[in-house]
Amino acid sequence: MSSTTSTASLPSGLAVLRTFPDVLFIPEIVFGGLVWILVASSKVLLPILQGWVMFVSVFCFVMSITLLCLYVCGAHGGSSSWVTLDVMCQETAAVFYLSAAVLEAYFTLWSADHMIMSVYQENIAAVVFAFLATLVYVIHKVYSLLRWKSS
């Protein structure tokens, strides 16, 4: 894989899937989709907490797929404003996912304390994937910031 952190341009076409940090769209989509599926399939006991986790997972999933498709199609056209947009999207997703992962972990601990085991295992998996998604978004954000700084 080649690194694009030294240049200010975003790749287009299938080069998106061969450059770092843009290849991180794939694990972002996979982990976000798993969080979405696991939270959607679990029993809702605290709607406000799980609603936020669901919103974050769906929002970030759609945002990542949209950005990936736009980059593959070459819609950015080499504009430096897209580098700024990339940084803002990754920053937003990282903050959102961190809050969602912490809330999902809190809900999982709460359900264990209240002996509600019907949602416990699914939510443990959701917590793990939410923190993995957070980590991937943070890594993507750091390298997007480096690319933005060099622009």
N, C-alpha and C. Protein backbone atom coordinates (compact mmCIF):
# COMPACT_ATOMS: atom_id res chain seq x y z
N MET A 1 0.83 -1.17 0.00
CA MET A 1 0.00 0.00 0.00
C MET A 1 0.87 1.24 0.00
N SER A 2 0.48 2.18 -0.77
CA SER A 2 1.22 3.43 -0.79
C SER A 2 0.59 4.39 0.20
N SER A 3 1.39 5.32 0.65
CA SER A 3 0.90 6.30 1.61
C SER A 3 0.56 7.59 0.90
N THR A 4 -0.55 8.18 1.28
CA THR A 4 -0.95 9.46 0.69
C THR A 4 -0.83 10.59 1.69
N THR A 5 -0.19 10.34 2.82
CA THR A 5 -0.10 11.39 3.82
C THR A 5 0.89 12.47 3.43
N SER A 6 1.76 12.22 2.47
CA SER A 6 2.72 13.24 2.06
C SER A 6 2.16 14.17 1.00
N THR A 7 1.08 13.76 0.33
CA THR A 7 0.46 14.62 -0.66
C THR A 7 -0.87 15.09 -0.16
N ALA A 8 -1.34 16.20 -0.72
CA ALA A 8 -2.58 16.80 -0.25
C ALA A 8 -3.78 16.31 -1.02
N SER A 9 -3.59 15.48 -2.03
CA SER A 9 -4.73 15.08 -2.85
C SER A 9 -5.33 13.77 -2.37
N LEU A 10 -6.60 13.65 -2.63
CA LEU A 10 -7.31 12.41 -2.33
C LEU A 10 -7.24 11.51 -3.54
N PRO A 11 -7.10 10.22 -3.35
CA PRO A 11 -7.10 9.32 -4.50
C PRO A 11 -8.50 9.20 -5.10
N SER A 12 -8.55 8.74 -6.32
CA SER A 12 -9.86 8.49 -6.93
C SER A 12 -9.81 7.14 -7.62
N GLY A 13 -10.98 6.64 -7.94
CA GLY A 13 -11.06 5.33 -8.55
C GLY A 13 -10.73 4.24 -7.54
N LEU A 14 -10.26 3.12 -8.04
CA LEU A 14 -9.93 2.01 -7.15
C LEU A 14 -8.66 2.24 -6.35
N ALA A 15 -7.94 3.33 -6.62
CA ALA A 15 -6.77 3.68 -5.81
C ALA A 15 -7.16 3.98 -4.37
N VAL A 16 -8.42 4.31 -4.15
CA VAL A 16 -8.91 4.55 -2.79
C VAL A 16 -8.74 3.29 -1.95
N LEU A 17 -8.92 2.15 -2.56
CA LEU A 17 -8.82 0.89 -1.82
C LEU A 17 -7.39 0.41 -1.65
N ARG A 18 -6.43 1.15 -2.22
CA ARG A 18 -5.02 0.76 -2.12
C ARG A 18 -4.18 1.79 -1.39
N THR A 19 -4.77 2.86 -0.90
CA THR A 19 -4.00 3.90 -0.23
C THR A 19 -4.41 4.01 1.23
N PHE A 20 -3.44 4.37 2.03
CA PHE A 20 -3.68 4.57 3.45
C PHE A 20 -3.80 6.06 3.68
N PRO A 21 -4.75 6.57 4.36
CA PRO A 21 -5.72 5.99 5.28
C PRO A 21 -7.07 5.65 4.65
N ASP A 22 -7.20 5.85 3.34
CA ASP A 22 -8.51 5.68 2.71
C ASP A 22 -8.98 4.23 2.72
N VAL A 23 -8.06 3.29 2.80
CA VAL A 23 -8.44 1.89 2.88
C VAL A 23 -9.17 1.59 4.19
N LEU A 24 -9.05 2.49 5.15
CA LEU A 24 -9.74 2.31 6.44
C LEU A 24 -11.26 2.46 6.32
N PHE A 25 -11.74 2.94 5.17
CA PHE A 25 -13.19 2.98 4.97
C PHE A 25 -13.79 1.58 5.09
N ILE A 26 -13.07 0.56 4.66
CA ILE A 26 -13.60 -0.80 4.67
C ILE A 26 -13.84 -1.28 6.11
N PRO A 27 -12.85 -1.23 7.02
CA PRO A 27 -13.16 -1.65 8.39
C PRO A 27 -14.16 -0.74 9.09
N GLU A 28 -14.18 0.55 8.74
CA GLU A 28 -15.18 1.45 9.32
C GLU A 28 -16.59 0.97 8.97
N ILE A 29 -16.78 0.62 7.72
CA ILE A 29 -18.09 0.15 7.26
C ILE A 29 -18.43 -1.20 7.88
N VAL A 30 -17.46 -2.10 7.94
CA VAL A 30 -17.71 -3.44 8.50
C VAL A 30 -18.03 -3.35 9.99
N PHE A 31 -17.19 -2.67 10.78
CA PHE A 31 -17.42 -2.57 12.22
C PHE A 31 -18.69 -1.78 12.52
N GLY A 32 -18.92 -0.70 11.78
CA GLY A 32 -20.14 0.08 11.98
C GLY A 32 -21.38 -0.72 11.65
N GLY A 33 -21.33 -1.51 10.59
CA GLY A 33 -22.45 -2.37 10.23
C GLY A 33 -22.72 -3.42 11.29
N LEU A 34 -21.66 -3.97 11.87
CA LEU A 34 -21.83 -4.97 12.93
C LEU A 34 -22.45 -4.34 14.18
N VAL A 35 -22.02 -3.14 14.53
CA VAL A 35 -22.64 -2.45 15.67
C VAL A 35 -24.11 -2.22 15.39
N TRP A 36 -24.42 -1.76 14.20
CA TRP A 36 -25.80 -1.50 13.80
C TRP A 36 -26.64 -2.77 13.92
N ILE A 37 -26.15 -3.87 13.39
CA ILE A 37 -26.89 -5.14 13.43
C ILE A 37 -27.07 -5.63 14.87
N LEU A 38 -26.01 -5.57 15.67
CA LEU A 38 -26.09 -6.09 17.03
C LEU A 38 -27.01 -5.25 17.91
N VAL A 39 -26.96 -3.94 17.77
CA VAL A 39 -27.85 -3.09 18.57
C VAL A 39 -29.29 -3.23 18.09
N ALA A 40 -29.48 -3.32 16.80
CA ALA A 40 -30.83 -3.46 16.26
C ALA A 40 -31.46 -4.79 16.65
N SER A 41 -30.66 -5.82 16.83
CA SER A 41 -31.22 -7.14 17.15
C SER A 41 -31.39 -7.37 18.64
N SER A 42 -30.85 -6.47 19.47
CA SER A 42 -30.98 -6.67 20.91
C SER A 42 -32.27 -6.05 21.43
N LYS A 43 -32.67 -6.50 22.58
CA LYS A 43 -33.87 -5.99 23.23
C LYS A 43 -33.60 -4.58 23.77
N VAL A 44 -34.49 -3.66 23.48
CA VAL A 44 -34.30 -2.27 23.89
C VAL A 44 -34.87 -2.07 25.28
N LEU A 45 -33.98 -1.81 26.24
CA LEU A 45 -34.41 -1.57 27.61
C LEU A 45 -34.26 -0.10 27.99
N LEU A 46 -33.22 0.55 27.49
CA LEU A 46 -33.01 1.99 27.71
C LEU A 46 -32.99 2.66 26.34
N PRO A 47 -34.16 3.07 25.84
CA PRO A 47 -34.24 3.56 24.46
C PRO A 47 -33.35 4.76 24.15
N ILE A 48 -33.16 5.65 25.10
CA ILE A 48 -32.36 6.84 24.82
C ILE A 48 -30.90 6.48 24.58
N LEU A 49 -30.37 5.53 25.36
CA LEU A 49 -28.98 5.12 25.16
C LEU A 49 -28.80 4.35 23.86
N GLN A 50 -29.65 3.35 23.68
CA GLN A 50 -29.51 2.53 22.48
C GLN A 50 -29.93 3.30 21.23
N GLY A 51 -30.80 4.27 21.39
CA GLY A 51 -31.18 5.11 20.25
C GLY A 51 -30.00 5.91 19.74
N TRP A 52 -29.20 6.45 20.66
CA TRP A 52 -28.02 7.21 20.26
C TRP A 52 -27.00 6.30 19.57
N VAL A 53 -26.78 5.13 20.13
CA VAL A 53 -25.83 4.17 19.52
C VAL A 53 -26.31 3.80 18.12
N MET A 54 -27.61 3.58 17.99
CA MET A 54 -28.18 3.23 16.68
C MET A 54 -28.03 4.38 15.69
N PHE A 55 -28.31 5.61 16.14
CA PHE A 55 -28.15 6.78 15.28
C PHE A 55 -26.70 6.90 14.81
N VAL A 56 -25.76 6.78 15.73
CA VAL A 56 -24.35 6.93 15.38
C VAL A 56 -23.92 5.84 14.39
N SER A 57 -24.30 4.61 14.65
CA SER A 57 -23.87 3.54 13.76
C SER A 57 -24.46 3.70 12.36
N VAL A 58 -25.73 4.07 12.27
CA VAL A 58 -26.35 4.26 10.95
C VAL A 58 -25.77 5.49 10.26
N PHE A 59 -25.65 6.60 10.99
CA PHE A 59 -25.11 7.83 10.41
C PHE A 59 -23.70 7.63 9.87
N CYS A 60 -22.83 7.04 10.69
CA CYS A 60 -21.44 6.85 10.27
C CYS A 60 -21.32 5.82 9.16
N PHE A 61 -22.16 4.79 9.18
CA PHE A 61 -22.18 3.79 8.12
C PHE A 61 -22.53 4.46 6.78
N VAL A 62 -23.59 5.25 6.78
CA VAL A 62 -24.02 5.93 5.55
C VAL A 62 -22.98 6.95 5.11
N MET A 63 -22.42 7.70 6.07
CA MET A 63 -21.41 8.70 5.73
C MET A 63 -20.17 8.05 5.12
N SER A 64 -19.71 6.95 5.70
CA SER A 64 -18.52 6.28 5.18
C SER A 64 -18.76 5.70 3.79
N ILE A 65 -19.91 5.09 3.59
CA ILE A 65 -20.22 4.55 2.25
C ILE A 65 -20.34 5.68 1.23
N THR A 66 -20.97 6.77 1.62
CA THR A 66 -21.12 7.91 0.71
C THR A 66 -19.77 8.49 0.33
N LEU A 67 -18.90 8.72 1.31
CA LEU A 67 -17.57 9.25 1.01
C LEU A 67 -16.77 8.28 0.14
N LEU A 68 -16.83 7.00 0.48
CA LEU A 68 -16.11 6.01 -0.32
C LEU A 68 -16.60 6.03 -1.77
N CYS A 69 -17.89 6.04 -1.97
CA CYS A 69 -18.44 6.07 -3.34
C CYS A 69 -18.06 7.34 -4.07
N LEU A 70 -18.09 8.49 -3.37
CA LEU A 70 -17.70 9.75 -4.00
C LEU A 70 -16.22 9.74 -4.39
N TYR A 71 -15.38 9.18 -3.54
CA TYR A 71 -13.95 9.11 -3.85
C TYR A 71 -13.69 8.14 -5.00
N VAL A 72 -14.37 7.00 -4.99
CA VAL A 72 -14.19 6.03 -6.08
C VAL A 72 -14.65 6.63 -7.40
N CYS A 73 -15.75 7.37 -7.38
CA CYS A 73 -16.27 8.00 -8.61
C CYS A 73 -15.45 9.21 -9.04
N GLY A 74 -14.58 9.70 -8.16
CA GLY A 74 -13.76 10.85 -8.50
C GLY A 74 -14.51 12.17 -8.41
N ALA A 75 -15.55 12.23 -7.61
CA ALA A 75 -16.37 13.43 -7.51
C ALA A 75 -15.60 14.61 -6.90
N HIS A 76 -14.55 14.32 -6.17
CA HIS A 76 -13.81 15.40 -5.51
C HIS A 76 -12.96 16.20 -6.50
N GLY A 77 -12.60 15.62 -7.61
CA GLY A 77 -11.89 16.34 -8.66
C GLY A 77 -10.58 16.98 -8.24
N GLY A 78 -9.94 16.48 -7.20
CA GLY A 78 -8.65 17.01 -6.79
C GLY A 78 -8.73 18.29 -5.97
N SER A 79 -9.91 18.69 -5.56
CA SER A 79 -10.09 19.92 -4.79
C SER A 79 -9.60 19.73 -3.36
N SER A 80 -8.91 20.75 -2.83
CA SER A 80 -8.40 20.66 -1.46
C SER A 80 -9.52 20.81 -0.43
N SER A 81 -10.68 21.33 -0.83
CA SER A 81 -11.78 21.44 0.13
C SER A 81 -12.30 20.05 0.52
N TRP A 82 -12.09 19.06 -0.34
CA TRP A 82 -12.49 17.70 -0.01
C TRP A 82 -11.59 17.11 1.07
N VAL A 83 -10.35 17.54 1.12
CA VAL A 83 -9.44 17.08 2.18
C VAL A 83 -9.95 17.60 3.52
N THR A 84 -10.42 18.85 3.54
CA THR A 84 -11.00 19.43 4.75
C THR A 84 -12.28 18.70 5.13
N LEU A 85 -13.12 18.40 4.14
CA LEU A 85 -14.35 17.65 4.40
C LEU A 85 -14.04 16.28 4.97
N ASP A 86 -13.02 15.64 4.45
CA ASP A 86 -12.61 14.32 4.95
C ASP A 86 -12.22 14.41 6.42
N VAL A 87 -11.45 15.42 6.79
CA VAL A 87 -11.04 15.59 8.18
C VAL A 87 -12.25 15.82 9.07
N MET A 88 -13.17 16.67 8.62
CA MET A 88 -14.35 16.97 9.43
C MET A 88 -15.23 15.74 9.62
N CYS A 89 -15.39 14.95 8.57
CA CYS A 89 -16.20 13.73 8.68
C CYS A 89 -15.55 12.72 9.61
N GLN A 90 -14.25 12.54 9.51
CA GLN A 90 -13.57 11.57 10.37
C GLN A 90 -13.57 12.03 11.82
N GLU A 91 -13.42 13.34 12.04
CA GLU A 91 -13.46 13.89 13.40
C GLU A 91 -14.84 13.68 14.02
N THR A 92 -15.88 14.00 13.27
CA THR A 92 -17.24 13.83 13.76
C THR A 92 -17.53 12.37 14.07
N ALA A 93 -17.15 11.49 13.17
CA ALA A 93 -17.40 10.07 13.39
C ALA A 93 -16.63 9.55 14.60
N ALA A 94 -15.39 9.99 14.78
CA ALA A 94 -14.59 9.53 15.93
C ALA A 94 -15.22 9.95 17.25
N VAL A 95 -15.66 11.20 17.33
CA VAL A 95 -16.28 11.70 18.56
C VAL A 95 -17.62 11.01 18.80
N PHE A 96 -18.43 10.89 17.74
CA PHE A 96 -19.72 10.22 17.87
C PHE A 96 -19.54 8.77 18.32
N TYR A 97 -18.62 8.06 17.68
CA TYR A 97 -18.44 6.65 18.02
C TYR A 97 -17.87 6.46 19.42
N LEU A 98 -17.01 7.37 19.86
CA LEU A 98 -16.49 7.27 21.22
C LEU A 98 -17.64 7.41 22.23
N SER A 99 -18.51 8.39 22.00
CA SER A 99 -19.64 8.56 22.92
C SER A 99 -20.58 7.35 22.85
N ALA A 100 -20.82 6.83 21.66
CA ALA A 100 -21.71 5.68 21.51
C ALA A 100 -21.11 4.43 22.16
N ALA A 101 -19.81 4.24 22.01
CA ALA A 101 -19.16 3.07 22.60
C ALA A 101 -19.21 3.13 24.13
N VAL A 102 -18.98 4.31 24.68
CA VAL A 102 -19.04 4.46 26.13
C VAL A 102 -20.47 4.23 26.63
N LEU A 103 -21.46 4.78 25.95
CA LEU A 103 -22.85 4.56 26.35
C LEU A 103 -23.26 3.09 26.22
N GLU A 104 -22.81 2.44 25.17
CA GLU A 104 -23.14 1.02 25.00
C GLU A 104 -22.46 0.18 26.08
N ALA A 105 -21.23 0.53 26.45
CA ALA A 105 -20.54 -0.17 27.54
C ALA A 105 -21.28 0.05 28.86
N TYR A 106 -21.74 1.28 29.09
CA TYR A 106 -22.51 1.57 30.30
C TYR A 106 -23.80 0.74 30.33
N PHE A 107 -24.51 0.69 29.20
CA PHE A 107 -25.74 -0.09 29.14
C PHE A 107 -25.47 -1.58 29.37
N THR A 108 -24.38 -2.07 28.84
CA THR A 108 -24.03 -3.48 29.02
C THR A 108 -23.74 -3.79 30.48
N LEU A 109 -23.01 -2.90 31.14
CA LEU A 109 -22.75 -3.09 32.57
C LEU A 109 -24.04 -2.98 33.38
N TRP A 110 -24.89 -2.05 33.00
CA TRP A 110 -26.18 -1.88 33.67
C TRP A 110 -27.03 -3.13 33.53
N SER A 111 -27.07 -3.72 32.34
CA SER A 111 -27.88 -4.93 32.14
C SER A 111 -27.30 -6.11 32.91
N ALA A 112 -25.98 -6.16 33.09
CA ALA A 112 -25.38 -7.23 33.88
C ALA A 112 -25.71 -7.05 35.36
N ASP A 113 -25.67 -5.81 35.83
CA ASP A 113 -26.00 -5.54 37.23
C ASP A 113 -27.46 -5.86 37.55
N HIS A 114 -28.32 -5.71 36.58
CA HIS A 114 -29.75 -5.96 36.78
C HIS A 114 -30.16 -7.37 36.31
N MET A 115 -29.17 -8.21 36.08
CA MET A 115 -29.39 -9.61 35.71
C MET A 115 -30.27 -9.77 34.47
N ILE A 116 -30.07 -8.93 33.50
CA ILE A 116 -30.81 -9.02 32.24
C ILE A 116 -29.87 -9.65 31.23
N MET A 117 -29.78 -10.95 31.24
CA MET A 117 -28.82 -11.67 30.42
C MET A 117 -29.28 -11.86 28.98
N SER A 118 -30.53 -11.55 28.69
CA SER A 118 -31.02 -11.74 27.32
C SER A 118 -30.36 -10.77 26.34
N VAL A 119 -29.85 -9.64 26.83
CA VAL A 119 -29.20 -8.68 25.94
C VAL A 119 -27.70 -8.59 26.19
N TYR A 120 -27.23 -9.27 27.20
CA TYR A 120 -25.85 -9.09 27.64
C TYR A 120 -24.82 -9.49 26.59
N GLN A 121 -24.94 -10.67 26.01
CA GLN A 121 -23.92 -11.15 25.08
C GLN A 121 -23.91 -10.34 23.78
N GLU A 122 -25.08 -10.01 23.25
CA GLU A 122 -25.12 -9.19 22.04
C GLU A 122 -24.51 -7.82 22.29
N ASN A 123 -24.77 -7.28 23.46
CA ASN A 123 -24.24 -5.96 23.76
C ASN A 123 -22.75 -5.97 24.06
N ILE A 124 -22.23 -7.07 24.57
CA ILE A 124 -20.78 -7.16 24.72
C ILE A 124 -20.13 -7.10 23.34
N ALA A 125 -20.68 -7.84 22.40
CA ALA A 125 -20.15 -7.81 21.04
C ALA A 125 -20.29 -6.41 20.44
N ALA A 126 -21.43 -5.75 20.69
CA ALA A 126 -21.63 -4.39 20.17
C ALA A 126 -20.61 -3.43 20.77
N VAL A 127 -20.30 -3.58 22.05
CA VAL A 127 -19.30 -2.73 22.69
C VAL A 127 -17.93 -2.93 22.06
N VAL A 128 -17.56 -4.18 21.86
CA VAL A 128 -16.25 -4.47 21.26
C VAL A 128 -16.15 -3.86 19.86
N PHE A 129 -17.17 -4.07 19.04
CA PHE A 129 -17.12 -3.53 17.68
C PHE A 129 -17.24 -2.00 17.67
N ALA A 130 -17.96 -1.42 18.64
CA ALA A 130 -18.05 0.04 18.71
C ALA A 130 -16.68 0.64 19.06
N PHE A 131 -15.97 0.01 19.98
CA PHE A 131 -14.63 0.52 20.31
C PHE A 131 -13.65 0.28 19.16
N LEU A 132 -13.79 -0.83 18.44
CA LEU A 132 -12.95 -1.06 17.26
C LEU A 132 -13.24 -0.01 16.18
N ALA A 133 -14.51 0.30 15.97
CA ALA A 133 -14.88 1.33 15.01
C ALA A 133 -14.32 2.68 15.44
N THR A 134 -14.39 2.97 16.74
CA THR A 134 -13.82 4.22 17.25
C THR A 134 -12.33 4.29 16.96
N LEU A 135 -11.62 3.20 17.21
CA LEU A 135 -10.18 3.16 16.97
C LEU A 135 -9.86 3.39 15.49
N VAL A 136 -10.60 2.74 14.61
CA VAL A 136 -10.35 2.90 13.18
C VAL A 136 -10.64 4.34 12.74
N TYR A 137 -11.74 4.92 13.23
CA TYR A 137 -12.05 6.31 12.88
C TYR A 137 -11.00 7.28 13.41
N VAL A 138 -10.47 7.02 14.61
CA VAL A 138 -9.42 7.88 15.17
C VAL A 138 -8.14 7.79 14.33
N ILE A 139 -7.76 6.58 13.95
CA ILE A 139 -6.57 6.41 13.11
C ILE A 139 -6.77 7.12 11.77
N HIS A 140 -7.94 6.94 11.19
CA HIS A 140 -8.25 7.60 9.91
C HIS A 140 -8.21 9.12 10.09
N LYS A 141 -8.73 9.60 11.21
CA LYS A 141 -8.73 11.04 11.47
C LYS A 141 -7.32 11.59 11.58
N VAL A 142 -6.45 10.88 12.29
CA VAL A 142 -5.07 11.34 12.47
C VAL A 142 -4.36 11.46 11.12
N TYR A 143 -4.50 10.43 10.29
CA TYR A 143 -3.83 10.48 8.99
C TYR A 143 -4.51 11.46 8.04
N SER A 144 -5.79 11.68 8.20
CA SER A 144 -6.47 12.71 7.39
C SER A 144 -6.01 14.10 7.81
N LEU A 145 -5.77 14.28 9.12
CA LEU A 145 -5.23 15.57 9.59
C LEU A 145 -3.83 15.80 9.05
N LEU A 146 -3.01 14.76 8.99
CA LEU A 146 -1.68 14.90 8.41
C LEU A 146 -1.75 15.28 6.94
N ARG A 147 -2.68 14.68 6.22
CA ARG A 147 -2.87 15.01 4.81
C ARG A 147 -3.36 16.45 4.67
N TRP A 148 -4.28 16.86 5.54
CA TRP A 148 -4.82 18.21 5.52
C TRP A 148 -3.73 19.23 5.84
N LYS A 149 -2.86 18.91 6.80
CA LYS A 149 -1.78 19.82 7.18
C LYS A 149 -0.81 20.02 6.03
N SER A 150 -0.58 18.98 5.25
CA SER A 150 0.36 19.10 4.14
C SER A 150 -0.24 19.79 2.92
N SER A 151 -1.56 20.04 2.97
CA SER A 151 -2.19 20.70 1.80
C SER A 151 -2.03 22.21 1.83
